[in-house]
Full PDB file with SEQRES, HELIX, SHEET, SSBOND, CRYST1, ORIGX, SCALE, CONECT and MASTER records, all heavy atoms in Angstrom:
SEQRES   1 A   42  VAL GLY ASP GLU VAL LEU LYS ARG ALA VAL ASP VAL CYS          
SEQRES   2 A   42  HIS ARG ALA LEU HIS ALA CYS ASP VAL PHE GLY ARG LEU          
SEQRES   3 A   42  GLY GLY GLU GLU PHE ALA ILE LEU LEU PRO ASP CYS SER          
SEQRES   4 A   42  PRO ALA GLN                                                  
HELIX    1 AA1 GLY A    2  ALA A   16  1                                  15    
SHEET    1 AA1 2 VAL A  22  GLY A  27  0                                        
SHEET    2 AA1 2 GLU A  30  LEU A  34 -1                                        
CRYST1    1.000    1.000    1.000  90.00  90.00  90.00 P 1           1          
ORIGX1      1.000000  0.000000  0.000000        0.00000                         
ORIGX2      0.000000  1.000000  0.000000        0.00000                         
ORIGX3      0.000000  0.000000  1.000000        0.00000                         
SCALE1      1.000000  0.000000  0.000000        0.00000                         
SCALE2      0.000000  1.000000  0.000000        0.00000                         
SCALE3      0.000000  0.000000  1.000000        0.00000                         
ATOM      1  N   VAL A   1       3.739  18.120  -8.011  1.00  0.00           N  
ATOM      2  CA  VAL A   1       4.787  17.448  -7.142  1.00  0.00           C  
ATOM      3  C   VAL A   1       3.955  16.537  -6.102  1.00  0.00           C  
ATOM      4  O   VAL A   1       4.404  15.435  -5.858  1.00  0.00           O  
ATOM      5  CB  VAL A   1       5.588  18.548  -6.350  1.00  0.00           C  
ATOM      6  CG1 VAL A   1       6.437  17.800  -5.270  1.00  0.00           C  
ATOM      7  CG2 VAL A   1       6.409  19.293  -7.333  1.00  0.00           C  
ATOM      8  N   GLY A   2       2.833  16.965  -5.629  1.00  0.00           N  
ATOM      9  CA  GLY A   2       2.050  16.120  -4.712  1.00  0.00           C  
ATOM     10  C   GLY A   2       1.660  14.838  -5.396  1.00  0.00           C  
ATOM     11  O   GLY A   2       1.691  13.750  -4.732  1.00  0.00           O  
ATOM     12  N   ASP A   3       1.239  14.870  -6.701  1.00  0.00           N  
ATOM     13  CA  ASP A   3       0.847  13.625  -7.381  1.00  0.00           C  
ATOM     14  C   ASP A   3       2.133  12.711  -7.534  1.00  0.00           C  
ATOM     15  O   ASP A   3       2.018  11.523  -7.374  1.00  0.00           O  
ATOM     16  CB  ASP A   3       0.356  13.984  -8.751  1.00  0.00           C  
ATOM     17  CG  ASP A   3      -1.043  14.644  -8.736  1.00  0.00           C  
ATOM     18  OD1 ASP A   3      -1.654  14.600  -7.623  1.00  0.00           O  
ATOM     19  OD2 ASP A   3      -1.467  15.194  -9.740  1.00  0.00           O  
ATOM     20  N   GLU A   4       3.293  13.331  -7.795  1.00  0.00           N  
ATOM     21  CA  GLU A   4       4.500  12.484  -7.855  1.00  0.00           C  
ATOM     22  C   GLU A   4       4.820  11.841  -6.569  1.00  0.00           C  
ATOM     23  O   GLU A   4       5.243  10.612  -6.529  1.00  0.00           O  
ATOM     24  CB  GLU A   4       5.682  13.353  -8.361  1.00  0.00           C  
ATOM     25  CG  GLU A   4       6.946  12.578  -8.623  1.00  0.00           C  
ATOM     26  CD  GLU A   4       6.786  11.643  -9.822  1.00  0.00           C  
ATOM     27  OE1 GLU A   4       5.921  11.794 -10.594  1.00  0.00           O  
ATOM     28  OE2 GLU A   4       7.637  10.698  -9.858  1.00  0.00           O  
ATOM     29  N   VAL A   5       4.629  12.508  -5.446  1.00  0.00           N  
ATOM     30  CA  VAL A   5       4.872  11.992  -4.150  1.00  0.00           C  
ATOM     31  C   VAL A   5       3.991  10.821  -3.901  1.00  0.00           C  
ATOM     32  O   VAL A   5       4.496   9.745  -3.369  1.00  0.00           O  
ATOM     33  CB  VAL A   5       4.638  13.126  -3.077  1.00  0.00           C  
ATOM     34  CG1 VAL A   5       4.674  12.492  -1.703  1.00  0.00           C  
ATOM     35  CG2 VAL A   5       5.770  14.181  -3.148  1.00  0.00           C  
ATOM     36  N   LEU A   6       2.713  10.901  -4.240  1.00  0.00           N  
ATOM     37  CA  LEU A   6       1.788   9.757  -4.072  1.00  0.00           C  
ATOM     38  C   LEU A   6       2.256   8.588  -4.866  1.00  0.00           C  
ATOM     39  O   LEU A   6       2.248   7.435  -4.356  1.00  0.00           O  
ATOM     40  CB  LEU A   6       0.366  10.209  -4.441  1.00  0.00           C  
ATOM     41  CG  LEU A   6      -0.345  11.224  -3.533  1.00  0.00           C  
ATOM     42  CD1 LEU A   6      -1.695  11.614  -4.135  1.00  0.00           C  
ATOM     43  CD2 LEU A   6      -0.556  10.623  -2.123  1.00  0.00           C  
ATOM     44  N   LYS A   7       2.653   8.777  -6.101  1.00  0.00           N  
ATOM     45  CA  LYS A   7       2.986   7.721  -7.026  1.00  0.00           C  
ATOM     46  C   LYS A   7       4.324   7.046  -6.496  1.00  0.00           C  
ATOM     47  O   LYS A   7       4.470   5.846  -6.485  1.00  0.00           O  
ATOM     48  CB  LYS A   7       3.198   8.216  -8.422  1.00  0.00           C  
ATOM     49  CG  LYS A   7       1.870   8.547  -9.113  1.00  0.00           C  
ATOM     50  CD  LYS A   7       2.024   8.815 -10.527  1.00  0.00           C  
ATOM     51  CE  LYS A   7       2.574  10.153 -10.930  1.00  0.00           C  
ATOM     52  NZ  LYS A   7       2.597  10.473 -12.314  1.00  0.00           N  
ATOM     53  N   ARG A   8       5.247   7.834  -6.072  1.00  0.00           N  
ATOM     54  CA  ARG A   8       6.520   7.254  -5.481  1.00  0.00           C  
ATOM     55  C   ARG A   8       6.228   6.425  -4.177  1.00  0.00           C  
ATOM     56  O   ARG A   8       6.805   5.403  -4.032  1.00  0.00           O  
ATOM     57  CB  ARG A   8       7.532   8.373  -5.201  1.00  0.00           C  
ATOM     58  CG  ARG A   8       8.152   9.039  -6.444  1.00  0.00           C  
ATOM     59  CD  ARG A   8       8.974   8.074  -7.263  1.00  0.00           C  
ATOM     60  NE  ARG A   8      10.152   7.623  -6.586  1.00  0.00           N  
ATOM     61  CZ  ARG A   8      11.281   8.281  -6.650  1.00  0.00           C  
ATOM     62  NH1 ARG A   8      11.420   9.375  -7.334  1.00  0.00           N  
ATOM     63  NH2 ARG A   8      12.351   7.778  -5.983  1.00  0.00           N  
ATOM     64  N   ALA A   9       5.376   6.973  -3.362  1.00  0.00           N  
ATOM     65  CA  ALA A   9       4.977   6.146  -2.112  1.00  0.00           C  
ATOM     66  C   ALA A   9       4.366   4.860  -2.467  1.00  0.00           C  
ATOM     67  O   ALA A   9       4.600   3.848  -1.873  1.00  0.00           O  
ATOM     68  CB  ALA A   9       4.094   7.042  -1.304  1.00  0.00           C  
ATOM     69  N   VAL A  10       3.472   4.877  -3.510  1.00  0.00           N  
ATOM     70  CA  VAL A  10       2.798   3.670  -3.912  1.00  0.00           C  
ATOM     71  C   VAL A  10       3.858   2.704  -4.486  1.00  0.00           C  
ATOM     72  O   VAL A  10       3.848   1.461  -4.213  1.00  0.00           O  
ATOM     73  CB  VAL A  10       1.700   3.973  -4.953  1.00  0.00           C  
ATOM     74  CG1 VAL A  10       1.216   2.662  -5.594  1.00  0.00           C  
ATOM     75  CG2 VAL A  10       0.568   4.668  -4.254  1.00  0.00           C  
ATOM     76  N   ASP A  11       4.756   3.170  -5.258  1.00  0.00           N  
ATOM     77  CA  ASP A  11       5.866   2.296  -5.848  1.00  0.00           C  
ATOM     78  C   ASP A  11       6.648   1.663  -4.737  1.00  0.00           C  
ATOM     79  O   ASP A  11       7.047   0.423  -4.808  1.00  0.00           O  
ATOM     80  CB  ASP A  11       6.759   3.131  -6.783  1.00  0.00           C  
ATOM     81  CG  ASP A  11       6.096   3.536  -8.071  1.00  0.00           C  
ATOM     82  OD1 ASP A  11       5.061   2.853  -8.379  1.00  0.00           O  
ATOM     83  OD2 ASP A  11       6.559   4.419  -8.746  1.00  0.00           O  
ATOM     84  N   VAL A  12       7.026   2.423  -3.731  1.00  0.00           N  
ATOM     85  CA  VAL A  12       7.820   1.931  -2.640  1.00  0.00           C  
ATOM     86  C   VAL A  12       6.969   0.786  -1.915  1.00  0.00           C  
ATOM     87  O   VAL A  12       7.592  -0.357  -1.626  1.00  0.00           O  
ATOM     88  CB  VAL A  12       8.157   2.999  -1.601  1.00  0.00           C  
ATOM     89  CG1 VAL A  12       8.637   2.457  -0.273  1.00  0.00           C  
ATOM     90  CG2 VAL A  12       9.169   4.014  -2.150  1.00  0.00           C  
ATOM     91  N   CYS A  13       5.674   0.999  -1.710  1.00  0.00           N  
ATOM     92  CA  CYS A  13       4.941  -0.065  -1.021  1.00  0.00           C  
ATOM     93  C   CYS A  13       4.804  -1.275  -1.858  1.00  0.00           C  
ATOM     94  O   CYS A  13       4.796  -2.404  -1.375  1.00  0.00           O  
ATOM     95  CB  CYS A  13       3.524   0.555  -0.712  1.00  0.00           C  
ATOM     96  SG  CYS A  13       3.583   1.805   0.562  1.00  0.00           S  
ATOM     97  N   HIS A  14       4.623  -1.101  -3.221  1.00  0.00           N  
ATOM     98  CA  HIS A  14       4.438  -2.216  -4.120  1.00  0.00           C  
ATOM     99  C   HIS A  14       5.571  -3.193  -4.028  1.00  0.00           C  
ATOM    100  O   HIS A  14       5.455  -4.422  -4.042  1.00  0.00           O  
ATOM    101  CB  HIS A  14       4.323  -1.675  -5.543  1.00  0.00           C  
ATOM    102  CG  HIS A  14       2.872  -1.687  -6.009  1.00  0.00           C  
ATOM    103  ND1 HIS A  14       2.022  -2.789  -5.933  1.00  0.00           N  
ATOM    104  CD2 HIS A  14       2.164  -0.751  -6.688  1.00  0.00           C  
ATOM    105  CE1 HIS A  14       0.878  -2.517  -6.438  1.00  0.00           C  
ATOM    106  NE2 HIS A  14       0.916  -1.224  -6.907  1.00  0.00           N  
ATOM    107  N   ARG A  15       6.801  -2.628  -3.834  1.00  0.00           N  
ATOM    108  CA  ARG A  15       7.977  -3.479  -3.789  1.00  0.00           C  
ATOM    109  C   ARG A  15       7.991  -4.417  -2.562  1.00  0.00           C  
ATOM    110  O   ARG A  15       8.679  -5.414  -2.463  1.00  0.00           O  
ATOM    111  CB  ARG A  15       9.247  -2.693  -3.884  1.00  0.00           C  
ATOM    112  CG  ARG A  15       9.438  -2.073  -5.254  1.00  0.00           C  
ATOM    113  CD  ARG A  15      10.864  -1.551  -5.421  1.00  0.00           C  
ATOM    114  NE  ARG A  15      11.060  -0.334  -4.607  1.00  0.00           N  
ATOM    115  CZ  ARG A  15      10.904   0.923  -5.001  1.00  0.00           C  
ATOM    116  NH1 ARG A  15      10.448   1.109  -6.234  1.00  0.00           N  
ATOM    117  NH2 ARG A  15      11.189   1.982  -4.223  1.00  0.00           N  
ATOM    118  N   ALA A  16       7.269  -3.964  -1.481  1.00  0.00           N  
ATOM    119  CA  ALA A  16       7.313  -4.689  -0.227  1.00  0.00           C  
ATOM    120  C   ALA A  16       6.062  -5.595  -0.049  1.00  0.00           C  
ATOM    121  O   ALA A  16       5.987  -6.365   0.926  1.00  0.00           O  
ATOM    122  CB  ALA A  16       7.466  -3.682   0.930  1.00  0.00           C  
ATOM    123  N   LEU A  17       5.090  -5.564  -0.962  1.00  0.00           N  
ATOM    124  CA  LEU A  17       3.862  -6.280  -0.752  1.00  0.00           C  
ATOM    125  C   LEU A  17       3.974  -7.625  -1.498  1.00  0.00           C  
ATOM    126  O   LEU A  17       4.761  -7.843  -2.393  1.00  0.00           O  
ATOM    127  CB  LEU A  17       2.724  -5.436  -1.343  1.00  0.00           C  
ATOM    128  CG  LEU A  17       2.420  -4.157  -0.606  1.00  0.00           C  
ATOM    129  CD1 LEU A  17       1.231  -3.450  -1.255  1.00  0.00           C  
ATOM    130  CD2 LEU A  17       2.129  -4.369   0.825  1.00  0.00           C  
ATOM    131  N   HIS A  18       3.071  -8.582  -1.052  1.00  0.00           N  
ATOM    132  CA  HIS A  18       2.912  -9.855  -1.597  1.00  0.00           C  
ATOM    133  C   HIS A  18       1.880  -9.829  -2.703  1.00  0.00           C  
ATOM    134  O   HIS A  18       1.041  -8.970  -2.713  1.00  0.00           O  
ATOM    135  CB  HIS A  18       2.604 -10.922  -0.533  1.00  0.00           C  
ATOM    136  CG  HIS A  18       3.623 -11.050   0.543  1.00  0.00           C  
ATOM    137  ND1 HIS A  18       3.360 -11.502   1.779  1.00  0.00           N  
ATOM    138  CD2 HIS A  18       4.992 -10.559   0.523  1.00  0.00           C  
ATOM    139  CE1 HIS A  18       4.462 -11.476   2.559  1.00  0.00           C  
ATOM    140  NE2 HIS A  18       5.435 -10.859   1.811  1.00  0.00           N  
ATOM    141  N   ALA A  19       1.819 -10.885  -3.491  1.00  0.00           N  
ATOM    142  CA  ALA A  19       0.900 -10.953  -4.619  1.00  0.00           C  
ATOM    143  C   ALA A  19      -0.533 -11.003  -4.095  1.00  0.00           C  
ATOM    144  O   ALA A  19      -1.450 -10.553  -4.758  1.00  0.00           O  
ATOM    145  CB  ALA A  19       1.244 -12.152  -5.555  1.00  0.00           C  
ATOM    146  N   CYS A  20      -0.709 -11.607  -2.949  1.00  0.00           N  
ATOM    147  CA  CYS A  20      -2.088 -11.840  -2.453  1.00  0.00           C  
ATOM    148  C   CYS A  20      -2.542 -10.661  -1.611  1.00  0.00           C  
ATOM    149  O   CYS A  20      -3.720 -10.612  -1.216  1.00  0.00           O  
ATOM    150  CB  CYS A  20      -2.142 -13.111  -1.566  1.00  0.00           C  
ATOM    151  SG  CYS A  20      -1.063 -13.054  -0.098  1.00  0.00           S  
ATOM    152  N   ASP A  21      -1.748  -9.660  -1.345  1.00  0.00           N  
ATOM    153  CA  ASP A  21      -2.174  -8.549  -0.572  1.00  0.00           C  
ATOM    154  C   ASP A  21      -3.110  -7.607  -1.360  1.00  0.00           C  
ATOM    155  O   ASP A  21      -2.889  -7.461  -2.582  1.00  0.00           O  
ATOM    156  CB  ASP A  21      -0.924  -7.702  -0.083  1.00  0.00           C  
ATOM    157  CG  ASP A  21      -0.061  -8.518   0.861  1.00  0.00           C  
ATOM    158  OD1 ASP A  21      -0.563  -9.484   1.429  1.00  0.00           O  
ATOM    159  OD2 ASP A  21       1.138  -8.132   0.994  1.00  0.00           O  
ATOM    160  N   VAL A  22      -4.073  -7.028  -0.739  1.00  0.00           N  
ATOM    161  CA  VAL A  22      -5.042  -6.070  -1.421  1.00  0.00           C  
ATOM    162  C   VAL A  22      -4.563  -4.654  -1.046  1.00  0.00           C  
ATOM    163  O   VAL A  22      -4.665  -4.298   0.121  1.00  0.00           O  
ATOM    164  CB  VAL A  22      -6.444  -6.364  -1.009  1.00  0.00           C  
ATOM    165  CG1 VAL A  22      -7.359  -5.462  -1.768  1.00  0.00           C  
ATOM    166  CG2 VAL A  22      -6.814  -7.801  -1.297  1.00  0.00           C  
ATOM    167  N   PHE A  23      -4.206  -3.879  -2.029  1.00  0.00           N  
ATOM    168  CA  PHE A  23      -3.669  -2.555  -1.825  1.00  0.00           C  
ATOM    169  C   PHE A  23      -4.585  -1.512  -2.518  1.00  0.00           C  
ATOM    170  O   PHE A  23      -4.853  -1.660  -3.719  1.00  0.00           O  
ATOM    171  CB  PHE A  23      -2.231  -2.505  -2.371  1.00  0.00           C  
ATOM    172  CG  PHE A  23      -1.505  -1.210  -2.088  1.00  0.00           C  
ATOM    173  CD1 PHE A  23      -1.871  -0.343  -1.116  1.00  0.00           C  
ATOM    174  CD2 PHE A  23      -0.354  -0.831  -2.899  1.00  0.00           C  
ATOM    175  CE1 PHE A  23      -1.204   0.815  -0.770  1.00  0.00           C  
ATOM    176  CE2 PHE A  23       0.309   0.338  -2.550  1.00  0.00           C  
ATOM    177  CZ  PHE A  23      -0.114   1.153  -1.649  1.00  0.00           C  
ATOM    178  N   GLY A  24      -5.111  -0.521  -1.791  1.00  0.00           N  
ATOM    179  CA  GLY A  24      -6.051   0.424  -2.445  1.00  0.00           C  
ATOM    180  C   GLY A  24      -5.848   1.867  -1.857  1.00  0.00           C  
ATOM    181  O   GLY A  24      -5.322   2.027  -0.760  1.00  0.00           O  
ATOM    182  N   ARG A  25      -6.260   2.773  -2.638  1.00  0.00           N  
ATOM    183  CA  ARG A  25      -6.303   4.217  -2.243  1.00  0.00           C  
ATOM    184  C   ARG A  25      -7.649   4.609  -1.818  1.00  0.00           C  
ATOM    185  O   ARG A  25      -8.631   4.486  -2.631  1.00  0.00           O  
ATOM    186  CB  ARG A  25      -5.802   5.084  -3.378  1.00  0.00           C  
ATOM    187  CG  ARG A  25      -5.761   6.585  -3.045  1.00  0.00           C  
ATOM    188  CD  ARG A  25      -5.362   7.409  -4.232  1.00  0.00           C  
ATOM    189  NE  ARG A  25      -5.327   8.811  -3.920  1.00  0.00           N  
ATOM    190  CZ  ARG A  25      -5.208   9.830  -4.852  1.00  0.00           C  
ATOM    191  NH1 ARG A  25      -5.097   9.468  -6.151  1.00  0.00           N  
ATOM    192  NH2 ARG A  25      -5.100  11.056  -4.505  1.00  0.00           N  
ATOM    193  N   LEU A  26      -7.864   4.967  -0.587  1.00  0.00           N  
ATOM    194  CA  LEU A  26      -9.243   5.288  -0.067  1.00  0.00           C  
ATOM    195  C   LEU A  26      -9.636   6.727  -0.400  1.00  0.00           C  
ATOM    196  O   LEU A  26     -10.778   7.056  -0.399  1.00  0.00           O  
ATOM    197  CB  LEU A  26      -9.301   5.049   1.453  1.00  0.00           C  
ATOM    198  CG  LEU A  26      -8.979   3.658   1.965  1.00  0.00           C  
ATOM    199  CD1 LEU A  26      -9.184   3.562   3.442  1.00  0.00           C  
ATOM    200  CD2 LEU A  26      -9.833   2.676   1.233  1.00  0.00           C  
ATOM    201  N   GLY A  27      -8.703   7.571  -0.622  1.00  0.00           N  
ATOM    202  CA  GLY A  27      -8.940   8.979  -1.002  1.00  0.00           C  
ATOM    203  C   GLY A  27      -7.808   9.895  -0.509  1.00  0.00           C  
ATOM    204  O   GLY A  27      -7.264   9.627   0.552  1.00  0.00           O  
ATOM    205  N   GLY A  28      -7.508  10.886  -1.370  1.00  0.00           N  
ATOM    206  CA  GLY A  28      -6.468  11.860  -0.944  1.00  0.00           C  
ATOM    207  C   GLY A  28      -5.137  11.083  -0.777  1.00  0.00           C  
ATOM    208  O   GLY A  28      -4.638  10.291  -1.643  1.00  0.00           O  
ATOM    209  N   GLU A  29      -4.531  11.275   0.393  1.00  0.00           N  
ATOM    210  CA  GLU A  29      -3.277  10.598   0.645  1.00  0.00           C  
ATOM    211  C   GLU A  29      -3.414   9.438   1.559  1.00  0.00           C  
ATOM    212  O   GLU A  29      -2.455   8.949   2.220  1.00  0.00           O  
ATOM    213  CB  GLU A  29      -2.275  11.614   1.276  1.00  0.00           C  
ATOM    214  CG  GLU A  29      -2.662  12.078   2.725  1.00  0.00           C  
ATOM    215  CD  GLU A  29      -3.606  13.227   2.696  1.00  0.00           C  
ATOM    216  OE1 GLU A  29      -4.309  13.493   1.735  1.00  0.00           O  
ATOM    217  OE2 GLU A  29      -3.641  13.966   3.719  1.00  0.00           O  
ATOM    218  N   GLU A  30      -4.634   8.875   1.680  1.00  0.00           N  
ATOM    219  CA  GLU A  30      -4.903   7.799   2.641  1.00  0.00           C  
ATOM    220  C   GLU A  30      -4.982   6.454   1.878  1.00  0.00           C  
ATOM    221  O   GLU A  30      -5.708   6.287   0.790  1.00  0.00           O  
ATOM    222  CB  GLU A  30      -6.201   8.016   3.317  1.00  0.00           C  
ATOM    223  CG  GLU A  30      -6.506   7.025   4.458  1.00  0.00           C  
ATOM    224  CD  GLU A  30      -7.755   7.338   5.226  1.00  0.00           C  
ATOM    225  OE1 GLU A  30      -8.631   7.997   4.708  1.00  0.00           O  
ATOM    226  OE2 GLU A  30      -7.884   6.930   6.357  1.00  0.00           O  
ATOM    227  N   PHE A  31      -4.273   5.391   2.348  1.00  0.00           N  
ATOM    228  CA  PHE A  31      -4.156   4.095   1.709  1.00  0.00           C  
ATOM    229  C   PHE A  31      -4.474   2.967   2.734  1.00  0.00           C  
ATOM    230  O   PHE A  31      -4.300   3.205   3.923  1.00  0.00           O  
ATOM    231  CB  PHE A  31      -2.779   3.887   1.130  1.00  0.00           C  
ATOM    232  CG  PHE A  31      -2.357   4.929   0.127  1.00  0.00           C  
ATOM    233  CD1 PHE A  31      -1.752   6.178   0.554  1.00  0.00           C  
ATOM    234  CD2 PHE A  31      -2.587   4.765  -1.220  1.00  0.00           C  
ATOM    235  CE1 PHE A  31      -1.407   7.094  -0.403  1.00  0.00           C  
ATOM    236  CE2 PHE A  31      -2.276   5.709  -2.183  1.00  0.00           C  
ATOM    237  CZ  PHE A  31      -1.664   6.858  -1.728  1.00  0.00           C  
ATOM    238  N   ALA A  32      -4.873   1.821   2.183  1.00  0.00           N  
ATOM    239  CA  ALA A  32      -5.183   0.635   2.971  1.00  0.00           C  
ATOM    240  C   ALA A  32      -4.532  -0.585   2.378  1.00  0.00           C  
ATOM    241  O   ALA A  32      -4.493  -0.649   1.101  1.00  0.00           O  
ATOM    242  CB  ALA A  32      -6.656   0.525   3.217  1.00  0.00           C  
ATOM    243  N   ILE A  33      -4.079  -1.441   3.176  1.00  0.00           N  
ATOM    244  CA  ILE A  33      -3.499  -2.730   2.711  1.00  0.00           C  
ATOM    245  C   ILE A  33      -4.131  -3.830   3.557  1.00  0.00           C  
ATOM    246  O   ILE A  33      -4.036  -3.849   4.818  1.00  0.00           O  
ATOM    247  CB  ILE A  33      -1.991  -2.735   2.841  1.00  0.00           C  
ATOM    248  CG1 ILE A  33      -1.416  -1.570   2.131  1.00  0.00           C  
ATOM    249  CG2 ILE A  33      -1.419  -4.029   2.310  1.00  0.00           C  
ATOM    250  CD1 ILE A  33       0.141  -1.384   2.471  1.00  0.00           C  
ATOM    251  N   LEU A  34      -4.723  -4.795   2.919  1.00  0.00           N  
ATOM    252  CA  LEU A  34      -5.274  -5.973   3.620  1.00  0.00           C  
ATOM    253  C   LEU A  34      -4.303  -7.119   3.464  1.00  0.00           C  
ATOM    254  O   LEU A  34      -3.962  -7.509   2.293  1.00  0.00           O  
ATOM    255  CB  LEU A  34      -6.647  -6.336   3.049  1.00  0.00           C  
ATOM    256  CG  LEU A  34      -7.437  -7.445   3.837  1.00  0.00           C  
ATOM    257  CD1 LEU A  34      -7.678  -7.053   5.202  1.00  0.00           C  
ATOM    258  CD2 LEU A  34      -8.690  -7.862   3.091  1.00  0.00           C  
ATOM    259  N   LEU A  35      -3.862  -7.715   4.530  1.00  0.00           N  
ATOM    260  CA  LEU A  35      -2.787  -8.770   4.533  1.00  0.00           C  
ATOM    261  C   LEU A  35      -3.511 -10.131   4.912  1.00  0.00           C  
ATOM    262  O   LEU A  35      -3.853 -10.427   6.080  1.00  0.00           O  
ATOM    263  CB  LEU A  35      -1.693  -8.458   5.565  1.00  0.00           C  
ATOM    264  CG  LEU A  35      -1.137  -7.040   5.431  1.00  0.00           C  
ATOM    265  CD1 LEU A  35      -0.113  -6.828   6.535  1.00  0.00           C  
ATOM    266  CD2 LEU A  35      -0.486  -6.893   4.074  1.00  0.00           C  
ATOM    267  N   PRO A  36      -3.671 -11.057   3.948  1.00  0.00           N  
ATOM    268  CA  PRO A  36      -4.232 -12.302   4.211  1.00  0.00           C  
ATOM    269  C   PRO A  36      -3.301 -13.199   4.991  1.00  0.00           C  
ATOM    270  O   PRO A  36      -2.015 -13.062   4.807  1.00  0.00           O  
ATOM    271  CB  PRO A  36      -4.565 -12.867   2.860  1.00  0.00           C  
ATOM    272  CG  PRO A  36      -4.505 -11.702   1.937  1.00  0.00           C  
ATOM    273  CD  PRO A  36      -3.572 -10.796   2.491  1.00  0.00           C  
ATOM    274  N   ASP A  37      -3.852 -14.083   5.847  1.00  0.00           N  
ATOM    275  CA  ASP A  37      -3.007 -15.081   6.525  1.00  0.00           C  
ATOM    276  C   ASP A  37      -1.811 -14.436   7.267  1.00  0.00           C  
ATOM    277  O   ASP A  37      -0.696 -14.814   7.093  1.00  0.00           O  
ATOM    278  CB  ASP A  37      -2.532 -16.156   5.557  1.00  0.00           C  
ATOM    279  CG  ASP A  37      -2.128 -17.442   6.276  1.00  0.00           C  
ATOM    280  OD1 ASP A  37      -2.485 -17.556   7.458  1.00  0.00           O  
ATOM    281  OD2 ASP A  37      -1.540 -18.286   5.630  1.00  0.00           O  
ATOM    282  N   CYS A  38      -2.213 -13.475   8.121  1.00  0.00           N  
ATOM    283  CA  CYS A  38      -1.136 -12.655   8.700  1.00  0.00           C  
ATOM    284  C   CYS A  38      -1.504 -12.344  10.215  1.00  0.00           C  
ATOM    285  O   CYS A  38      -2.596 -12.055  10.492  1.00  0.00           O  
ATOM    286  CB  CYS A  38      -1.001 -11.276   7.951  1.00  0.00           C  
ATOM    287  SG  CYS A  38       0.294 -10.199   8.598  1.00  0.00           S  
ATOM    288  N   SER A  39      -0.490 -12.555  11.064  1.00  0.00           N  
ATOM    289  CA  SER A  39      -0.684 -12.271  12.476  1.00  0.00           C  
ATOM    290  C   SER A  39      -0.473 -10.820  12.838  1.00  0.00           C  
ATOM    291  O   SER A  39       0.143 -10.127  11.966  1.00  0.00           O  
ATOM    292  CB  SER A  39       0.220 -13.144  13.264  1.00  0.00           C  
ATOM    293  OG  SER A  39       1.597 -12.650  13.159  1.00  0.00           O  
ATOM    294  N   PRO A  40      -0.924 -10.284  13.940  1.00  0.00           N  
ATOM    295  CA  PRO A  40      -0.726  -8.930  14.315  1.00  0.00           C  
ATOM    296  C   PRO A  40       0.750  -8.610  14.443  1.00  0.00           C  
ATOM    297  O   PRO A  40       1.198  -7.530  13.962  1.00  0.00           O  
ATOM    298  CB  PRO A  40      -1.387  -8.852  15.747  1.00  0.00           C  
ATOM    299  CG  PRO A  40      -2.483  -9.824  15.684  1.00  0.00           C  
ATOM    300  CD  PRO A  40      -1.940 -10.975  14.871  1.00  0.00           C  
ATOM    301  N   ALA A  41       1.604  -9.518  14.902  1.00  0.00           N  
ATOM    302  CA  ALA A  41       2.984  -9.209  15.002  1.00  0.00           C  
ATOM    303  C   ALA A  41       3.590  -9.073  13.637  1.00  0.00           C  
ATOM    304  O   ALA A  41       4.426  -8.122  13.311  1.00  0.00           O  
ATOM    305  CB  ALA A  41       3.737 -10.371  15.778  1.00  0.00           C  
ATOM    306  N   GLN A  42       3.211  -9.981  12.705  1.00  0.00           N  
ATOM    307  CA  GLN A  42       3.706  -9.867  11.367  1.00  0.00           C  
ATOM    308  C   GLN A  42       3.219  -8.569  10.659  1.00  0.00           C  
ATOM    309  O   GLN A  42       4.063  -7.935   9.954  1.00  0.00           O  
ATOM    310  CB  GLN A  42       3.280 -11.032  10.551  1.00  0.00           C  
ATOM    311  CG  GLN A  42       3.915 -12.395  10.985  1.00  0.00           C  
ATOM    312  CD  GLN A  42       3.263 -13.623  10.267  1.00  0.00           C  
ATOM    313  OE1 GLN A  42       2.077 -13.558  10.030  1.00  0.00           O  
ATOM    314  NE2 GLN A  42       4.097 -14.603  10.025  1.00  0.00           N  
TER     315      GLN A  42                                                      
MASTER        0    0    0    1    2    0    0    6  314    1    0    4          
END                                                                             
């Protein structure tokens, strides 16, 4: 179930990300997204 939760969370994020965004899993349940050409407010 934990693995399914991780996959569903990633699917949710994928739908909201742009093609140029860098999305990775750092380990366990921790993820990082690098947003190019993006302000702090955005």
